[in-house]
Amino acid sequence: MPAASKPAASQAASAPAKAKFVNTVCPIMGGRIDPAKVPDSLTRQYKGQRVAFCCAACPAAWDKLTDAQKDAKLKAVSRSK
């Protein structure tokens, strides 16, 4: 029954290829982020979510924050969406 496997394959192919980020605004600098143009080098994993940044300096700054500071930064940018 090969026909039964085809819908599953086409469903996977129709899934969005865009990376999903928890933010559309940089949590460090506050600049808008185009999710389609963010390279892996400008992302971090945090509590099971992908966080995107606007420039190369921001991930390094993020890495120096405490979890409480990161939570506050993400909360601030989520309100500005």
PDB file of N, CA and C in Angstrom:
ATOM      1  N   MET A   1       0.799  -1.191   0.000  1.00  0.00           N
ATOM      2  CA  MET A   1       0.000   0.000   0.000  1.00  0.00           C
ATOM      3  C   MET A   1       0.852   1.271   0.000  1.00  0.00           C
ATOM      4  N   PRO A   2       1.625   1.541  -1.016  1.00  0.00           N
ATOM      5  CA  PRO A   2       2.465   2.731  -1.068  1.00  0.00           C
ATOM      6  C   PRO A   2       1.671   4.026  -1.013  1.00  0.00           C
ATOM      7  N   ALA A   3       0.427   4.036  -1.457  1.00  0.00           N
ATOM      8  CA  ALA A   3      -0.379   5.262  -1.460  1.00  0.00           C
ATOM      9  C   ALA A   3      -0.577   5.795  -0.043  1.00  0.00           C
ATOM     10  N   ALA A   4      -0.613   4.909   0.944  1.00  0.00           N
ATOM     11  CA  ALA A   4      -0.827   5.346   2.326  1.00  0.00           C
ATOM     12  C   ALA A   4       0.360   6.139   2.851  1.00  0.00           C
ATOM     13  N   SER A   5       1.565   5.846   2.358  1.00  0.00           N
ATOM     14  CA  SER A   5       2.735   6.568   2.856  1.00  0.00           C
ATOM     15  C   SER A   5       2.916   7.918   2.178  1.00  0.00           C
ATOM     16  N   LYS A   6       2.332   8.124   1.013  1.00  0.00           N
ATOM     17  CA  LYS A   6       2.498   9.380   0.285  1.00  0.00           C
ATOM     18  C   LYS A   6       1.924  10.590   1.014  1.00  0.00           C
ATOM     19  N   PRO A   7       0.712  10.512   1.623  1.00  0.00           N
ATOM     20  CA  PRO A   7       0.200  11.694   2.331  1.00  0.00           C
ATOM     21  C   PRO A   7       1.126  12.146   3.462  1.00  0.00           C
ATOM     22  N   ALA A   8       1.723  11.212   4.172  1.00  0.00           N
ATOM     23  CA  ALA A   8       2.628  11.588   5.262  1.00  0.00           C
ATOM     24  C   ALA A   8       3.843  12.328   4.707  1.00  0.00           C
ATOM     25  N   ALA A   9       4.356  11.857   3.588  1.00  0.00           N
ATOM     26  CA  ALA A   9       5.515  12.512   2.979  1.00  0.00           C
ATOM     27  C   ALA A   9       5.151  13.907   2.496  1.00  0.00           C
ATOM     28  N   SER A  10       3.961  14.055   1.895  1.00  0.00           N
ATOM     29  CA  SER A  10       3.582  15.373   1.397  1.00  0.00           C
ATOM     30  C   SER A  10       3.277  16.322   2.557  1.00  0.00           C
ATOM     31  N   GLN A  11       2.786  15.793   3.671  1.00  0.00           N
ATOM     32  CA  GLN A  11       2.558  16.633   4.847  1.00  0.00           C
ATOM     33  C   GLN A  11       3.884  17.165   5.372  1.00  0.00           C
ATOM     34  N   ALA A  12       4.902  16.324   5.396  1.00  0.00           N
ATOM     35  CA  ALA A  12       6.215  16.757   5.872  1.00  0.00           C
ATOM     36  C   ALA A  12       6.799  17.802   4.933  1.00  0.00           C
ATOM     37  N   ALA A  13       6.581  17.623   3.637  1.00  0.00           N
ATOM     38  CA  ALA A  13       7.111  18.565   2.664  1.00  0.00           C
ATOM     39  C   ALA A  13       6.413  19.922   2.758  1.00  0.00           C
ATOM     40  N   SER A  14       5.147  19.929   3.183  1.00  0.00           N
ATOM     41  CA  SER A  14       4.413  21.187   3.263  1.00  0.00           C
ATOM     42  C   SER A  14       4.645  21.917   4.585  1.00  0.00           C
ATOM     43  N   ALA A  15       5.345  21.292   5.500  1.00  0.00           N
ATOM     44  CA  ALA A  15       5.642  21.955   6.778  1.00  0.00           C
ATOM     45  C   ALA A  15       6.553  23.145   6.526  1.00  0.00           C
ATOM     46  N   PRO A  16       6.354  24.244   7.261  1.00  0.00           N
ATOM     47  CA  PRO A  16       7.200  25.424   7.041  1.00  0.00           C
ATOM     48  C   PRO A  16       8.668  25.124   7.300  1.00  0.00           C
ATOM     49  N   ALA A  17       9.530  25.617   6.434  1.00  0.00           N
ATOM     50  CA  ALA A  17      10.962  25.384   6.579  1.00  0.00           C
ATOM     51  C   ALA A  17      11.608  26.453   7.455  1.00  0.00           C
ATOM     52  N   LYS A  18      10.882  27.544   7.725  1.00  0.00           N
ATOM     53  CA  LYS A  18      11.437  28.646   8.514  1.00  0.00           C
ATOM     54  C   LYS A  18      11.727  28.213   9.939  1.00  0.00           C
ATOM     55  N   ALA A  19      12.807  28.703  10.470  1.00  0.00           N
ATOM     56  CA  ALA A  19      13.135  28.437  11.863  1.00  0.00           C
ATOM     57  C   ALA A  19      12.175  29.202  12.752  1.00  0.00           C
ATOM     58  N   LYS A  20      11.778  28.600  13.832  1.00  0.00           N
ATOM     59  CA  LYS A  20      10.873  29.248  14.774  1.00  0.00           C
ATOM     60  C   LYS A  20      11.698  29.810  15.922  1.00  0.00           C
ATOM     61  N   PHE A  21      11.489  31.066  16.198  1.00  0.00           N
ATOM     62  CA  PHE A  21      12.183  31.717  17.297  1.00  0.00           C
ATOM     63  C   PHE A  21      11.161  32.213  18.304  1.00  0.00           C
ATOM     64  N   VAL A  22      11.570  32.333  19.528  1.00  0.00           N
ATOM     65  CA  VAL A  22      10.700  32.827  20.574  1.00  0.00           C
ATOM     66  C   VAL A  22      10.532  34.351  20.479  1.00  0.00           C
ATOM     67  N   ASN A  23      11.368  34.994  19.684  1.00  0.00           N
ATOM     68  CA  ASN A  23      11.369  36.461  19.602  1.00  0.00           C
ATOM     69  C   ASN A  23      11.494  36.955  18.167  1.00  0.00           C
ATOM     70  N   THR A  24      11.011  38.171  17.931  1.00  0.00           N
ATOM     71  CA  THR A  24      11.208  38.853  16.644  1.00  0.00           C
ATOM     72  C   THR A  24      11.945  40.172  16.857  1.00  0.00           C
ATOM     73  N   VAL A  25      12.303  40.428  18.112  1.00  0.00           N
ATOM     74  CA  VAL A  25      13.081  41.610  18.497  1.00  0.00           C
ATOM     75  C   VAL A  25      14.275  41.109  19.298  1.00  0.00           C
ATOM     76  N   CYS A  26      15.444  41.657  19.029  1.00  0.00           N
ATOM     77  CA  CYS A  26      16.653  41.233  19.740  1.00  0.00           C
ATOM     78  C   CYS A  26      16.520  41.554  21.231  1.00  0.00           C
ATOM     79  N   PRO A  27      16.721  40.574  22.108  1.00  0.00           N
ATOM     80  CA  PRO A  27      16.596  40.821  23.537  1.00  0.00           C
ATOM     81  C   PRO A  27      17.740  41.648  24.128  1.00  0.00           C
ATOM     82  N   ILE A  28      18.804  41.846  23.373  1.00  0.00           N
ATOM     83  CA  ILE A  28      19.942  42.629  23.869  1.00  0.00           C
ATOM     84  C   ILE A  28      19.880  44.069  23.358  1.00  0.00           C
ATOM     85  N   MET A  29      19.785  44.248  22.044  1.00  0.00           N
ATOM     86  CA  MET A  29      19.839  45.591  21.449  1.00  0.00           C
ATOM     87  C   MET A  29      18.469  46.167  21.101  1.00  0.00           C
ATOM     88  N   GLY A  30      17.463  45.304  21.006  1.00  0.00           N
ATOM     89  CA  GLY A  30      16.115  45.786  20.707  1.00  0.00           C
ATOM     90  C   GLY A  30      15.793  45.954  19.243  1.00  0.00           C
ATOM     91  N   GLY A  31      16.694  45.539  18.342  1.00  0.00           N
ATOM     92  CA  GLY A  31      16.445  45.666  16.911  1.00  0.00           C
ATOM     93  C   GLY A  31      15.518  44.582  16.394  1.00  0.00           C
ATOM     94  N   ARG A  32      14.757  44.900  15.359  1.00  0.00           N
ATOM     95  CA  ARG A  32      13.878  43.909  14.721  1.00  0.00           C
ATOM     96  C   ARG A  32      14.718  42.809  14.090  1.00  0.00           C
ATOM     97  N   ILE A  33      14.161  41.601  14.097  1.00  0.00           N
ATOM     98  CA  ILE A  33      14.835  40.434  13.547  1.00  0.00           C
ATOM     99  C   ILE A  33      13.973  39.853  12.439  1.00  0.00           C
ATOM    100  N   ASP A  34      14.590  39.555  11.308  1.00  0.00           N
ATOM    101  CA  ASP A  34      13.905  38.868  10.225  1.00  0.00           C
ATOM    102  C   ASP A  34      14.208  37.377  10.385  1.00  0.00           C
ATOM    103  N   PRO A  35      13.242  36.593  10.874  1.00  0.00           N
ATOM    104  CA  PRO A  35      13.501  35.172  11.140  1.00  0.00           C
ATOM    105  C   PRO A  35      14.039  34.402   9.941  1.00  0.00           C
ATOM    106  N   ALA A  36      13.712  34.821   8.744  1.00  0.00           N
ATOM    107  CA  ALA A  36      14.172  34.125   7.540  1.00  0.00           C
ATOM    108  C   ALA A  36      15.652  34.360   7.263  1.00  0.00           C
ATOM    109  N   LYS A  37      16.241  35.359   7.893  1.00  0.00           N
ATOM    110  CA  LYS A  37      17.631  35.719   7.602  1.00  0.00           C
ATOM    111  C   LYS A  37      18.593  35.518   8.772  1.00  0.00           C
ATOM    112  N   VAL A  38      18.149  34.902   9.852  1.00  0.00           N
ATOM    113  CA  VAL A  38      19.004  34.730  11.028  1.00  0.00           C
ATOM    114  C   VAL A  38      19.858  33.476  10.879  1.00  0.00           C
ATOM    115  N   PRO A  39      21.192  33.623  10.804  1.00  0.00           N
ATOM    116  CA  PRO A  39      22.058  32.439  10.724  1.00  0.00           C
ATOM    117  C   PRO A  39      22.171  31.757  12.091  1.00  0.00           C
ATOM    118  N   ASP A  40      22.550  30.495  12.093  1.00  0.00           N
ATOM    119  CA  ASP A  40      22.691  29.746  13.346  1.00  0.00           C
ATOM    120  C   ASP A  40      23.637  30.429  14.329  1.00  0.00           C
ATOM    121  N   SER A  41      24.634  31.136  13.810  1.00  0.00           N
ATOM    122  CA  SER A  41      25.606  31.797  14.683  1.00  0.00           C
ATOM    123  C   SER A  41      24.972  32.925  15.510  1.00  0.00           C
ATOM    124  N   LEU A  42      23.785  33.380  15.091  1.00  0.00           N
ATOM    125  CA  LEU A  42      23.094  34.445  15.828  1.00  0.00           C
ATOM    126  C   LEU A  42      21.902  33.909  16.602  1.00  0.00           C
ATOM    127  N   THR A  43      22.002  32.654  17.056  1.00  0.00           N
ATOM    128  CA  THR A  43      20.931  32.057  17.853  1.00  0.00           C
ATOM    129  C   THR A  43      21.507  31.356  19.075  1.00  0.00           C
ATOM    130  N   ARG A  44      20.654  31.176  20.050  1.00  0.00           N
ATOM    131  CA  ARG A  44      20.982  30.392  21.244  1.00  0.00           C
ATOM    132  C   ARG A  44      19.751  29.590  21.641  1.00  0.00           C
ATOM    133  N   GLN A  45      19.983  28.435  22.240  1.00  0.00           N
ATOM    134  CA  GLN A  45      18.908  27.651  22.834  1.00  0.00           C
ATOM    135  C   GLN A  45      18.761  28.097  24.281  1.00  0.00           C
ATOM    136  N   TYR A  46      17.518  28.329  24.710  1.00  0.00           N
ATOM    137  CA  TYR A  46      17.281  28.725  26.090  1.00  0.00           C
ATOM    138  C   TYR A  46      15.950  28.146  26.545  1.00  0.00           C
ATOM    139  N   LYS A  47      16.002  27.284  27.532  1.00  0.00           N
ATOM    140  CA  LYS A  47      14.809  26.643  28.094  1.00  0.00           C
ATOM    141  C   LYS A  47      13.942  26.012  27.004  1.00  0.00           C
ATOM    142  N   GLY A  48      14.600  25.319  26.070  1.00  0.00           N
ATOM    143  CA  GLY A  48      13.889  24.613  25.023  1.00  0.00           C
ATOM    144  C   GLY A  48      13.385  25.480  23.883  1.00  0.00           C
ATOM    145  N   GLN A  49      13.774  26.734  23.849  1.00  0.00           N
ATOM    146  CA  GLN A  49      13.334  27.648  22.807  1.00  0.00           C
ATOM    147  C   GLN A  49      14.543  28.237  22.096  1.00  0.00           C
ATOM    148  N   ARG A  50      14.365  28.615  20.835  1.00  0.00           N
ATOM    149  CA  ARG A  50      15.443  29.267  20.087  1.00  0.00           C
ATOM    150  C   ARG A  50      15.279  30.772  20.206  1.00  0.00           C
ATOM    151  N   VAL A  51      16.354  31.425  20.598  1.00  0.00           N
ATOM    152  CA  VAL A  51      16.385  32.881  20.734  1.00  0.00           C
ATOM    153  C   VAL A  51      17.263  33.417  19.610  1.00  0.00           C
ATOM    154  N   ALA A  52      16.757  34.429  18.902  1.00  0.00           N
ATOM    155  CA  ALA A  52      17.499  35.035  17.793  1.00  0.00           C
ATOM    156  C   ALA A  52      18.044  36.399  18.206  1.00  0.00           C
ATOM    157  N   PHE A  53      19.168  36.779  17.598  1.00  0.00           N
ATOM    158  CA  PHE A  53      19.822  38.055  17.904  1.00  0.00           C
ATOM    159  C   PHE A  53      20.078  38.824  16.619  1.00  0.00           C
ATOM    160  N   CYS A  54      20.290  40.141  16.753  1.00  0.00           N
ATOM    161  CA  CYS A  54      20.431  41.013  15.581  1.00  0.00           C
ATOM    162  C   CYS A  54      21.859  41.091  15.040  1.00  0.00           C
ATOM    163  N   CYS A  55      22.864  40.831  15.867  1.00  0.00           N
ATOM    164  CA  CYS A  55      24.250  40.956  15.400  1.00  0.00           C
ATOM    165  C   CYS A  55      25.162  40.028  16.202  1.00  0.00           C
ATOM    166  N   ALA A  56      26.398  39.913  15.789  1.00  0.00           N
ATOM    167  CA  ALA A  56      27.341  38.974  16.397  1.00  0.00           C
ATOM    168  C   ALA A  56      27.683  39.293  17.846  1.00  0.00           C
ATOM    169  N   ALA A  57      27.572  40.540  18.262  1.00  0.00           N
ATOM    170  CA  ALA A  57      27.900  40.902  19.637  1.00  0.00           C
ATOM    171  C   ALA A  57      26.831  40.440  20.623  1.00  0.00           C
ATOM    172  N   CYS A  58      25.603  40.304  20.164  1.00  0.00           N
ATOM    173  CA  CYS A  58      24.499  40.009  21.084  1.00  0.00           C
ATOM    174  C   CYS A  58      24.514  38.600  21.693  1.00  0.00           C
ATOM    175  N   PRO A  59      24.793  37.534  20.926  1.00  0.00           N
ATOM    176  CA  PRO A  59      24.847  36.219  21.565  1.00  0.00           C
ATOM    177  C   PRO A  59      25.904  36.151  22.681  1.00  0.00           C
ATOM    178  N   ALA A  60      27.042  36.799  22.484  1.00  0.00           N
ATOM    179  CA  ALA A  60      28.090  36.812  23.507  1.00  0.00           C
ATOM    180  C   ALA A  60      27.614  37.547  24.757  1.00  0.00           C
ATOM    181  N   ALA A  61      26.898  38.653  24.558  1.00  0.00           N
ATOM    182  CA  ALA A  61      26.351  39.400  25.697  1.00  0.00           C
ATOM    183  C   ALA A  61      25.299  38.554  26.417  1.00  0.00           C
ATOM    184  N   TRP A  62      24.472  37.846  25.651  1.00  0.00           N
ATOM    185  CA  TRP A  62      23.440  36.972  26.214  1.00  0.00           C
ATOM    186  C   TRP A  62      24.072  35.889  27.087  1.00  0.00           C
ATOM    187  N   ASP A  63      25.160  35.310  26.601  1.00  0.00           N
ATOM    188  CA  ASP A  63      25.833  34.230  27.327  1.00  0.00           C
ATOM    189  C   ASP A  63      26.322  34.666  28.708  1.00  0.00           C
ATOM    190  N   LYS A  64      26.548  35.953  28.893  1.00  0.00           N
ATOM    191  CA  LYS A  64      27.047  36.461  30.173  1.00  0.00           C
ATOM    192  C   LYS A  64      25.931  36.759  31.172  1.00  0.00           C
ATOM    193  N   LEU A  65      24.670  36.731  30.729  1.00  0.00           N
ATOM    194  CA  LEU A  65      23.550  37.040  31.612  1.00  0.00           C
ATOM    195  C   LEU A  65      23.188  35.857  32.497  1.00  0.00           C
ATOM    196  N   THR A  66      22.604  36.154  33.643  1.00  0.00           N
ATOM    197  CA  THR A  66      22.049  35.093  34.493  1.00  0.00           C
ATOM    198  C   THR A  66      20.719  34.652  33.892  1.00  0.00           C
ATOM    199  N   ASP A  67      20.200  33.521  34.342  1.00  0.00           N
ATOM    200  CA  ASP A  67      18.893  33.069  33.863  1.00  0.00           C
ATOM    201  C   ASP A  67      17.805  34.090  34.179  1.00  0.00           C
ATOM    202  N   ALA A  68      17.863  34.706  35.332  1.00  0.00           N
ATOM    203  CA  ALA A  68      16.862  35.716  35.703  1.00  0.00           C
ATOM    204  C   ALA A  68      16.926  36.912  34.746  1.00  0.00           C
ATOM    205  N   GLN A  69      18.116  37.316  34.371  1.00  0.00           N
ATOM    206  CA  GLN A  69      18.273  38.423  33.422  1.00  0.00           C
ATOM    207  C   GLN A  69      17.763  38.031  32.035  1.00  0.00           C
ATOM    208  N   LYS A  70      18.054  36.804  31.630  1.00  0.00           N
ATOM    209  CA  LYS A  70      17.571  36.318  30.336  1.00  0.00           C
ATOM    210  C   LYS A  70      16.046  36.291  30.311  1.00  0.00           C
ATOM    211  N   ASP A  71      15.446  35.792  31.393  1.00  0.00           N
ATOM    212  CA  ASP A  71      13.985  35.756  31.483  1.00  0.00           C
ATOM    213  C   ASP A  71      13.398  37.160  31.358  1.00  0.00           C
ATOM    214  N   ALA A  72      13.998  38.119  32.032  1.00  0.00           N
ATOM    215  CA  ALA A  72      13.513  39.517  31.988  1.00  0.00           C
ATOM    216  C   ALA A  72      13.655  40.091  30.583  1.00  0.00           C
ATOM    217  N   LYS A  73      14.770  39.820  29.917  1.00  0.00           N
ATOM    218  CA  LYS A  73      14.994  40.330  28.560  1.00  0.00           C
ATOM    219  C   LYS A  73      13.968  39.749  27.590  1.00  0.00           C
ATOM    220  N   LEU A  74      13.718  38.435  27.692  1.00  0.00           N
ATOM    221  CA  LEU A  74      12.755  37.818  26.797  1.00  0.00           C
ATOM    222  C   LEU A  74      11.339  38.322  27.078  1.00  0.00           C
ATOM    223  N   LYS A  75      11.019  38.511  28.328  1.00  0.00           N
ATOM    224  CA  LYS A  75       9.692  39.036  28.679  1.00  0.00           C
ATOM    225  C   LYS A  75       9.517  40.444  28.104  1.00  0.00           C
ATOM    226  N   ALA A  76      10.545  41.256  28.162  1.00  0.00           N
ATOM    227  CA  ALA A  76      10.466  42.624  27.646  1.00  0.00           C
ATOM    228  C   ALA A  76      10.247  42.648  26.129  1.00  0.00           C
ATOM    229  N   VAL A  77      10.928  41.785  25.395  1.00  0.00           N
ATOM    230  CA  VAL A  77      10.754  41.806  23.942  1.00  0.00           C
ATOM    231  C   VAL A  77       9.471  41.120  23.511  1.00  0.00           C
ATOM    232  N   SER A  78       8.956  40.216  24.297  1.00  0.00           N
ATOM    233  CA  SER A  78       7.702  39.563  23.920  1.00  0.00           C
ATOM    234  C   SER A  78       6.541  40.543  24.027  1.00  0.00           C
ATOM    235  N   ARG A  79       6.638  41.532  24.890  1.00  0.00           N
ATOM    236  CA  ARG A  79       5.586  42.546  25.007  1.00  0.00           C
ATOM    237  C   ARG A  79       5.645  43.527  23.860  1.00  0.00           C
ATOM    238  N   SER A  80       6.817  43.676  23.236  1.00  0.00           N
ATOM    239  CA  SER A  80       6.965  44.652  22.164  1.00  0.00           C
ATOM    240  C   SER A  80       6.656  44.086  20.785  1.00  0.00           C
ATOM    241  N   LYS A  81       6.240  42.813  20.715  1.00  0.00           N
ATOM    242  CA  LYS A  81       5.906  42.188  19.424  1.00  0.00           C
ATOM    243  C   LYS A  81       4.696  42.848  18.811  1.00  0.00           C
TER     244      LYS A  81
END
